[in-house]
Amino acid sequence: MTKERQVLVIFPHPDDESFGTAGTIIKYVSEGVPVTYLCMTLGEMGRNLGNPPFASRESLPGFRQKELEDAGRALGCEIRQMGLRDKTIEFLDEEAISDKVLQVINEVNPSLIISFYPPYAVHPDHDACGRTVIKAVSKMPEDSRPKLHLVAFSNNCEKELGAPGIVLDITPYAEQKLVAIRAHRSQTEAMTAGWDDTFKNPDAKVTKRFLTERFWEYKFK
């Protein structure tokens, strides 16, 4: 398999990169492949404010900024931000946002982009992000387009898309992945409280889901 030149991960929220792709990111970084995470928003509308709450609606963006930086250090990747507002991406000018994404693509020059597969990523921001990324790449000459590996997890994704073409066992990077997820403390502290014991059971559903990262390769028509 040809070694990637550079990987660019594009998601809308802090913690999207850690839940779905942390093991993949760590794997590439461990192989000497630079990874950049372009985060579209600061997730300021996140449902959680800590457990017990330590943030307010006003202070949450600041906490999530630091959490994103902490996760970036755990993953070993560069963090870039677009500064868009959480839960608004679907309402923005897709053409204009795709031009901004394309500018980052041209600067980073990735051989692989990882993002969400619309409309199979459940959250409106997720799907809007994926559409924007696909539009940005579609503006590039065909012979210079990076590969697109997209994340899907809606209930109907395998029925409509078929089985994922890329399935990675990220067991060697599980501990680092958990560190990255827990870096997003305001959103994940309660959720991950018992995970250390859970992961001792290899047959637990959460263990299997956590240790496998799945992607579909997007093909332009």
C-alpha atoms as a PDB file:
ATOM      1  CA  MET A   1       0.000   0.000   0.000  1.00  0.00           C
ATOM      2  CA  THR A   2       1.318   3.430  -0.960  1.00  0.00           C
ATOM      3  CA  LYS A   3       2.139   5.628   2.006  1.00  0.00           C
ATOM      4  CA  GLU A   4      -0.055   8.723   2.233  1.00  0.00           C
ATOM      5  CA  ARG A   5       1.651  12.067   1.688  1.00  0.00           C
ATOM      6  CA  GLN A   6      -0.564  14.020   4.082  1.00  0.00           C
ATOM      7  CA  VAL A   7      -3.973  13.352   5.636  1.00  0.00           C
ATOM      8  CA  LEU A   8      -6.593  16.068   6.117  1.00  0.00           C
ATOM      9  CA  VAL A   9      -9.509  15.329   8.463  1.00  0.00           C
ATOM     10  CA  ILE A  10     -12.525  17.645   8.159  1.00  0.00           C
ATOM     11  CA  PHE A  11     -15.406  17.499  10.641  1.00  0.00           C
ATOM     12  CA  PRO A  12     -17.715  20.129  12.124  1.00  0.00           C
ATOM     13  CA  HIS A  13     -17.181  19.691  15.867  1.00  0.00           C
ATOM     14  CA  PRO A  14     -14.512  19.198  18.504  1.00  0.00           C
ATOM     15  CA  ASP A  15     -14.695  15.483  19.464  1.00  0.00           C
ATOM     16  CA  ASP A  16     -15.866  14.286  16.011  1.00  0.00           C
ATOM     17  CA  GLU A  17     -12.235  13.520  15.240  1.00  0.00           C
ATOM     18  CA  SER A  18     -11.724  11.537  18.431  1.00  0.00           C
ATOM     19  CA  PHE A  19     -14.820   9.345  18.476  1.00  0.00           C
ATOM     20  CA  GLY A  20     -14.764   8.193  14.874  1.00  0.00           C
ATOM     21  CA  THR A  21     -11.199   8.456  13.659  1.00  0.00           C
ATOM     22  CA  ALA A  22      -8.752   8.822  16.563  1.00  0.00           C
ATOM     23  CA  GLY A  23      -7.200   5.399  16.002  1.00  0.00           C
ATOM     24  CA  THR A  24      -6.810   6.074  12.304  1.00  0.00           C
ATOM     25  CA  ILE A  25      -5.215   9.461  12.962  1.00  0.00           C
ATOM     26  CA  ILE A  26      -2.800   8.007  15.523  1.00  0.00           C
ATOM     27  CA  LYS A  27      -1.916   5.178  13.131  1.00  0.00           C
ATOM     28  CA  TYR A  28      -0.995   7.603  10.352  1.00  0.00           C
ATOM     29  CA  VAL A  29       0.982   9.835  12.719  1.00  0.00           C
ATOM     30  CA  SER A  30       2.876   6.794  14.076  1.00  0.00           C
ATOM     31  CA  GLU A  31       3.815   5.931  10.478  1.00  0.00           C
ATOM     32  CA  GLY A  32       5.267   9.394   9.931  1.00  0.00           C
ATOM     33  CA  VAL A  33       2.313  10.760   7.933  1.00  0.00           C
ATOM     34  CA  PRO A  34       1.369  14.349   8.901  1.00  0.00           C
ATOM     35  CA  VAL A  35      -2.300  14.766   9.822  1.00  0.00           C
ATOM     36  CA  THR A  36      -4.231  18.035   9.983  1.00  0.00           C
ATOM     37  CA  TYR A  37      -7.666  18.353  11.560  1.00  0.00           C
ATOM     38  CA  LEU A  38      -9.827  21.154  10.133  1.00  0.00           C
ATOM     39  CA  CYS A  39     -12.594  21.736  12.681  1.00  0.00           C
ATOM     40  CA  MET A  40     -15.444  23.842  11.330  1.00  0.00           C
ATOM     41  CA  THR A  41     -16.976  25.017  14.645  1.00  0.00           C
ATOM     42  CA  LEU A  42     -16.251  25.067  18.364  1.00  0.00           C
ATOM     43  CA  GLY A  43     -19.338  22.997  19.187  1.00  0.00           C
ATOM     44  CA  GLU A  44     -20.695  25.841  21.274  1.00  0.00           C
ATOM     45  CA  MET A  45     -24.173  24.290  21.200  1.00  0.00           C
ATOM     46  CA  GLY A  46     -22.910  21.023  22.652  1.00  0.00           C
ATOM     47  CA  ARG A  47     -25.532  19.336  24.816  1.00  0.00           C
ATOM     48  CA  ASN A  48     -23.271  18.894  27.855  1.00  0.00           C
ATOM     49  CA  LEU A  49     -21.703  21.484  30.158  1.00  0.00           C
ATOM     50  CA  GLY A  50     -19.524  19.077  32.144  1.00  0.00           C
ATOM     51  CA  ASN A  51     -20.423  16.483  34.768  1.00  0.00           C
ATOM     52  CA  PRO A  52     -20.987  17.985  37.246  1.00  0.00           C
ATOM     53  CA  PRO A  53     -21.472  21.170  35.184  1.00  0.00           C
ATOM     54  CA  PHE A  54     -18.445  23.453  35.145  1.00  0.00           C
ATOM     55  CA  ALA A  55     -19.281  25.512  32.043  1.00  0.00           C
ATOM     56  CA  SER A  56     -22.088  27.828  31.045  1.00  0.00           C
ATOM     57  CA  ARG A  57     -23.465  28.511  27.582  1.00  0.00           C
ATOM     58  CA  GLU A  58     -21.267  31.623  27.521  1.00  0.00           C
ATOM     59  CA  SER A  59     -18.067  29.915  28.686  1.00  0.00           C
ATOM     60  CA  LEU A  60     -18.460  26.594  26.835  1.00  0.00           C
ATOM     61  CA  PRO A  61     -16.706  27.740  23.618  1.00  0.00           C
ATOM     62  CA  GLY A  62     -13.577  28.577  25.608  1.00  0.00           C
ATOM     63  CA  PHE A  63     -13.559  25.185  27.280  1.00  0.00           C
ATOM     64  CA  ARG A  64     -14.105  23.403  23.983  1.00  0.00           C
ATOM     65  CA  GLN A  65     -11.272  25.347  22.389  1.00  0.00           C
ATOM     66  CA  LYS A  66      -8.857  24.098  25.042  1.00  0.00           C
ATOM     67  CA  GLU A  67     -10.283  20.578  24.854  1.00  0.00           C
ATOM     68  CA  LEU A  68      -9.740  20.550  21.089  1.00  0.00           C
ATOM     69  CA  GLU A  69      -6.127  21.635  21.564  1.00  0.00           C
ATOM     70  CA  ASP A  70      -5.625  18.931  24.223  1.00  0.00           C
ATOM     71  CA  ALA A  71      -7.096  16.294  21.897  1.00  0.00           C
ATOM     72  CA  GLY A  72      -4.826  17.470  19.087  1.00  0.00           C
ATOM     73  CA  ARG A  73      -1.800  16.907  21.311  1.00  0.00           C
ATOM     74  CA  ALA A  74      -3.064  13.434  22.256  1.00  0.00           C
ATOM     75  CA  LEU A  75      -3.517  12.585  18.584  1.00  0.00           C
ATOM     76  CA  GLY A  76      -0.303  14.226  17.403  1.00  0.00           C
ATOM     77  CA  CYS A  77      -2.059  16.211  14.687  1.00  0.00           C
ATOM     78  CA  GLU A  78      -2.182  19.856  13.653  1.00  0.00           C
ATOM     79  CA  ILE A  79      -5.414  21.698  14.467  1.00  0.00           C
ATOM     80  CA  ARG A  80      -6.950  24.269  12.130  1.00  0.00           C
ATOM     81  CA  GLN A  81     -10.274  26.011  12.659  1.00  0.00           C
ATOM     82  CA  MET A  82     -12.802  27.632  10.335  1.00  0.00           C
ATOM     83  CA  GLY A  83     -14.675  29.633  12.985  1.00  0.00           C
ATOM     84  CA  LEU A  84     -18.181  28.745  11.821  1.00  0.00           C
ATOM     85  CA  ARG A  85     -21.045  28.623  14.302  1.00  0.00           C
ATOM     86  CA  ASP A  86     -22.272  25.299  15.622  1.00  0.00           C
ATOM     87  CA  LYS A  87     -25.594  24.025  14.219  1.00  0.00           C
ATOM     88  CA  THR A  88     -25.601  26.547  11.370  1.00  0.00           C
ATOM     89  CA  ILE A  89     -23.533  24.849   8.650  1.00  0.00           C
ATOM     90  CA  GLU A  90     -26.586  23.522   6.796  1.00  0.00           C
ATOM     91  CA  PHE A  91     -27.878  27.099   6.432  1.00  0.00           C
ATOM     92  CA  LEU A  92     -24.665  28.681   5.140  1.00  0.00           C
ATOM     93  CA  ASP A  93     -23.726  29.337   1.521  1.00  0.00           C
ATOM     94  CA  GLU A  94     -22.339  25.940   0.502  1.00  0.00           C
ATOM     95  CA  GLU A  95     -20.496  27.411  -2.465  1.00  0.00           C
ATOM     96  CA  ALA A  96     -18.683  29.982  -0.333  1.00  0.00           C
ATOM     97  CA  ILE A  97     -17.815  27.507   2.433  1.00  0.00           C
ATOM     98  CA  SER A  98     -16.562  24.948  -0.084  1.00  0.00           C
ATOM     99  CA  ASP A  99     -14.237  27.600  -1.511  1.00  0.00           C
ATOM    100  CA  LYS A 100     -12.770  28.114   1.970  1.00  0.00           C
ATOM    101  CA  VAL A 101     -12.362  24.369   2.411  1.00  0.00           C
ATOM    102  CA  LEU A 102     -10.710  24.146  -0.992  1.00  0.00           C
ATOM    103  CA  GLN A 103      -8.228  26.825   0.052  1.00  0.00           C
ATOM    104  CA  VAL A 104      -7.177  24.680   3.025  1.00  0.00           C
ATOM    105  CA  ILE A 105      -6.970  21.590   0.802  1.00  0.00           C
ATOM    106  CA  ASN A 106      -4.665  23.442  -1.564  1.00  0.00           C
ATOM    107  CA  GLU A 107      -2.491  24.645   1.321  1.00  0.00           C
ATOM    108  CA  VAL A 108      -2.233  21.263   3.054  1.00  0.00           C
ATOM    109  CA  ASN A 109      -2.012  19.236  -0.195  1.00  0.00           C
ATOM    110  CA  PRO A 110      -3.350  15.963   1.233  1.00  0.00           C
ATOM    111  CA  SER A 111      -3.371  12.665  -0.598  1.00  0.00           C
ATOM    112  CA  LEU A 112      -6.308  11.592   1.597  1.00  0.00           C
ATOM    113  CA  ILE A 113      -9.252  13.486   3.111  1.00  0.00           C
ATOM    114  CA  ILE A 114     -11.436  11.997   5.845  1.00  0.00           C
ATOM    115  CA  SER A 115     -14.896  13.451   6.478  1.00  0.00           C
ATOM    116  CA  PHE A 116     -18.564  12.457   6.847  1.00  0.00           C
ATOM    117  CA  TYR A 117     -20.667  10.705   4.186  1.00  0.00           C
ATOM    118  CA  PRO A 118     -23.859  12.680   3.528  1.00  0.00           C
ATOM    119  CA  PRO A 119     -26.684  11.930   4.205  1.00  0.00           C
ATOM    120  CA  TYR A 120     -25.566   9.021   6.375  1.00  0.00           C
ATOM    121  CA  ALA A 121     -23.967  10.854   9.307  1.00  0.00           C
ATOM    122  CA  VAL A 122     -27.089  11.531  11.437  1.00  0.00           C
ATOM    123  CA  HIS A 123     -26.421  15.166  12.508  1.00  0.00           C
ATOM    124  CA  PRO A 124     -27.317  18.066  10.128  1.00  0.00           C
ATOM    125  CA  ASP A 125     -23.874  19.627  10.671  1.00  0.00           C
ATOM    126  CA  HIS A 126     -22.219  16.287   9.865  1.00  0.00           C
ATOM    127  CA  ASP A 127     -24.076  15.923   6.593  1.00  0.00           C
ATOM    128  CA  ALA A 128     -23.566  19.568   5.629  1.00  0.00           C
ATOM    129  CA  CYS A 129     -19.853  19.224   6.330  1.00  0.00           C
ATOM    130  CA  GLY A 130     -19.626  16.150   4.111  1.00  0.00           C
ATOM    131  CA  ARG A 131     -21.489  17.852   1.264  1.00  0.00           C
ATOM    132  CA  THR A 132     -19.177  20.848   1.503  1.00  0.00           C
ATOM    133  CA  VAL A 133     -16.050  18.689   1.410  1.00  0.00           C
ATOM    134  CA  ILE A 134     -17.294  16.738  -1.608  1.00  0.00           C
ATOM    135  CA  LYS A 135     -18.142  19.986  -3.410  1.00  0.00           C
ATOM    136  CA  ALA A 136     -14.697  21.410  -2.631  1.00  0.00           C
ATOM    137  CA  VAL A 137     -12.908  18.323  -3.990  1.00  0.00           C
ATOM    138  CA  SER A 138     -15.171  18.273  -7.063  1.00  0.00           C
ATOM    139  CA  LYS A 139     -13.767  21.687  -8.002  1.00  0.00           C
ATOM    140  CA  MET A 140     -10.278  20.219  -8.340  1.00  0.00           C
ATOM    141  CA  PRO A 141      -8.913  18.711 -11.564  1.00  0.00           C
ATOM    142  CA  GLU A 142      -9.730  15.004 -11.575  1.00  0.00           C
ATOM    143  CA  ASP A 143      -6.089  13.927 -11.773  1.00  0.00           C
ATOM    144  CA  SER A 144      -5.146  15.917  -8.662  1.00  0.00           C
ATOM    145  CA  ARG A 145      -8.033  15.056  -6.353  1.00  0.00           C
ATOM    146  CA  PRO A 146      -7.165  13.399  -3.032  1.00  0.00           C
ATOM    147  CA  LYS A 147      -8.932  10.205  -2.046  1.00  0.00           C
ATOM    148  CA  LEU A 148     -12.070  10.655   0.063  1.00  0.00           C
ATOM    149  CA  HIS A 149     -12.637   8.214   2.926  1.00  0.00           C
ATOM    150  CA  LEU A 150     -15.984   9.015   4.528  1.00  0.00           C
ATOM    151  CA  VAL A 151     -17.584   8.052   7.841  1.00  0.00           C
ATOM    152  CA  ALA A 152     -21.212   6.857   7.909  1.00  0.00           C
ATOM    153  CA  PHE A 153     -23.194   5.501  10.845  1.00  0.00           C
ATOM    154  CA  SER A 154     -26.904   5.998  10.190  1.00  0.00           C
ATOM    155  CA  ASN A 155     -29.109   2.918  10.547  1.00  0.00           C
ATOM    156  CA  ASN A 156     -29.515   2.581   6.782  1.00  0.00           C
ATOM    157  CA  CYS A 157     -25.940   3.295   5.691  1.00  0.00           C
ATOM    158  CA  GLU A 158     -24.862  -0.289   4.974  1.00  0.00           C
ATOM    159  CA  LYS A 159     -28.181  -1.131   3.313  1.00  0.00           C
ATOM    160  CA  GLU A 160     -27.776   1.758   0.869  1.00  0.00           C
ATOM    161  CA  LEU A 161     -23.991   2.059   0.579  1.00  0.00           C
ATOM    162  CA  GLY A 162     -22.997  -1.554   1.017  1.00  0.00           C
ATOM    163  CA  ALA A 163     -20.323  -2.702   3.428  1.00  0.00           C
ATOM    164  CA  PRO A 164     -17.543  -0.228   4.230  1.00  0.00           C
ATOM    165  CA  GLY A 165     -14.506  -0.661   2.027  1.00  0.00           C
ATOM    166  CA  ILE A 166     -12.032   0.269   4.751  1.00  0.00           C
ATOM    167  CA  VAL A 167     -12.287  -1.355   8.194  1.00  0.00           C
ATOM    168  CA  LEU A 168      -9.411  -0.697  10.577  1.00  0.00           C
ATOM    169  CA  ASP A 169      -8.712  -2.553  13.805  1.00  0.00           C
ATOM    170  CA  ILE A 170      -7.260   0.210  15.985  1.00  0.00           C
ATOM    171  CA  THR A 171      -6.598  -1.975  19.038  1.00  0.00           C
ATOM    172  CA  PRO A 172      -2.904  -0.921  19.224  1.00  0.00           C
ATOM    173  CA  TYR A 173      -4.022   2.699  19.597  1.00  0.00           C
ATOM    174  CA  ALA A 174      -6.995   2.161  21.940  1.00  0.00           C
ATOM    175  CA  GLU A 175      -5.434   3.759  25.003  1.00  0.00           C
ATOM    176  CA  GLN A 176      -4.447   6.874  23.057  1.00  0.00           C
ATOM    177  CA  LYS A 177      -7.900   7.043  21.508  1.00  0.00           C
ATOM    178  CA  LEU A 178      -9.473   7.016  24.957  1.00  0.00           C
ATOM    179  CA  VAL A 179      -7.146   9.821  26.058  1.00  0.00           C
ATOM    180  CA  ALA A 180      -8.227  11.876  23.040  1.00  0.00           C
ATOM    181  CA  ILE A 181     -11.926  11.281  23.712  1.00  0.00           C
ATOM    182  CA  ARG A 182     -11.518  12.170  27.376  1.00  0.00           C
ATOM    183  CA  ALA A 183      -9.724  15.368  26.414  1.00  0.00           C
ATOM    184  CA  HIS A 184     -13.177  16.617  25.394  1.00  0.00           C
ATOM    185  CA  ARG A 185     -14.077  16.573  29.056  1.00  0.00           C
ATOM    186  CA  SER A 186     -17.162  18.798  28.937  1.00  0.00           C
ATOM    187  CA  GLN A 187     -18.887  16.387  26.562  1.00  0.00           C
ATOM    188  CA  THR A 188     -17.480  12.976  27.474  1.00  0.00           C
ATOM    189  CA  GLU A 189     -16.687  12.789  31.188  1.00  0.00           C
ATOM    190  CA  ALA A 190     -19.919  11.075  32.250  1.00  0.00           C
ATOM    191  CA  MET A 191     -20.067   8.863  29.176  1.00  0.00           C
ATOM    192  CA  THR A 192     -16.578   7.422  29.557  1.00  0.00           C
ATOM    193  CA  ALA A 193     -16.534   7.026  33.348  1.00  0.00           C
ATOM    194  CA  GLY A 194     -16.825   3.220  33.261  1.00  0.00           C
ATOM    195  CA  TRP A 195     -15.107   2.519  29.976  1.00  0.00           C
ATOM    196  CA  ASP A 196     -11.826   1.270  31.498  1.00  0.00           C
ATOM    197  CA  ASP A 197     -13.641  -1.728  32.994  1.00  0.00           C
ATOM    198  CA  THR A 198     -15.889  -2.178  29.946  1.00  0.00           C
ATOM    199  CA  PHE A 199     -12.931  -2.543  27.611  1.00  0.00           C
ATOM    200  CA  LYS A 200     -11.665  -5.475  29.658  1.00  0.00           C
ATOM    201  CA  ASN A 201     -14.580  -7.399  28.116  1.00  0.00           C
ATOM    202  CA  PRO A 202     -13.681  -8.009  24.447  1.00  0.00           C
ATOM    203  CA  ASP A 203     -17.242  -9.094  23.672  1.00  0.00           C
ATOM    204  CA  ALA A 204     -18.898  -5.905  24.931  1.00  0.00           C
ATOM    205  CA  LYS A 205     -20.701  -4.035  22.156  1.00  0.00           C
ATOM    206  CA  VAL A 206     -19.033  -0.724  23.043  1.00  0.00           C
ATOM    207  CA  THR A 207     -15.616  -2.416  22.927  1.00  0.00           C
ATOM    208  CA  LYS A 208     -16.143  -3.772  19.422  1.00  0.00           C
ATOM    209  CA  ARG A 209     -17.455  -0.426  18.182  1.00  0.00           C
ATOM    210  CA  PHE A 210     -14.617   1.487  19.837  1.00  0.00           C
ATOM    211  CA  LEU A 211     -11.861  -0.724  18.403  1.00  0.00           C
ATOM    212  CA  THR A 212     -13.069  -0.623  14.799  1.00  0.00           C
ATOM    213  CA  GLU A 213     -13.081   2.446  12.546  1.00  0.00           C
ATOM    214  CA  ARG A 214     -14.942   2.180   9.248  1.00  0.00           C
ATOM    215  CA  PHE A 215     -14.829   4.247   6.083  1.00  0.00           C
ATOM    216  CA  TRP A 216     -16.443   4.276   2.665  1.00  0.00           C
ATOM    217  CA  GLU A 217     -14.374   5.483  -0.284  1.00  0.00           C
ATOM    218  CA  TYR A 218     -16.325   8.142  -2.183  1.00  0.00           C
ATOM    219  CA  LYS A 219     -16.406   7.831  -5.946  1.00  0.00           C
ATOM    220  CA  PHE A 220     -17.356  10.836  -8.074  1.00  0.00           C
ATOM    221  CA  LYS A 221     -19.920  10.018 -10.747  1.00  0.00           C
END
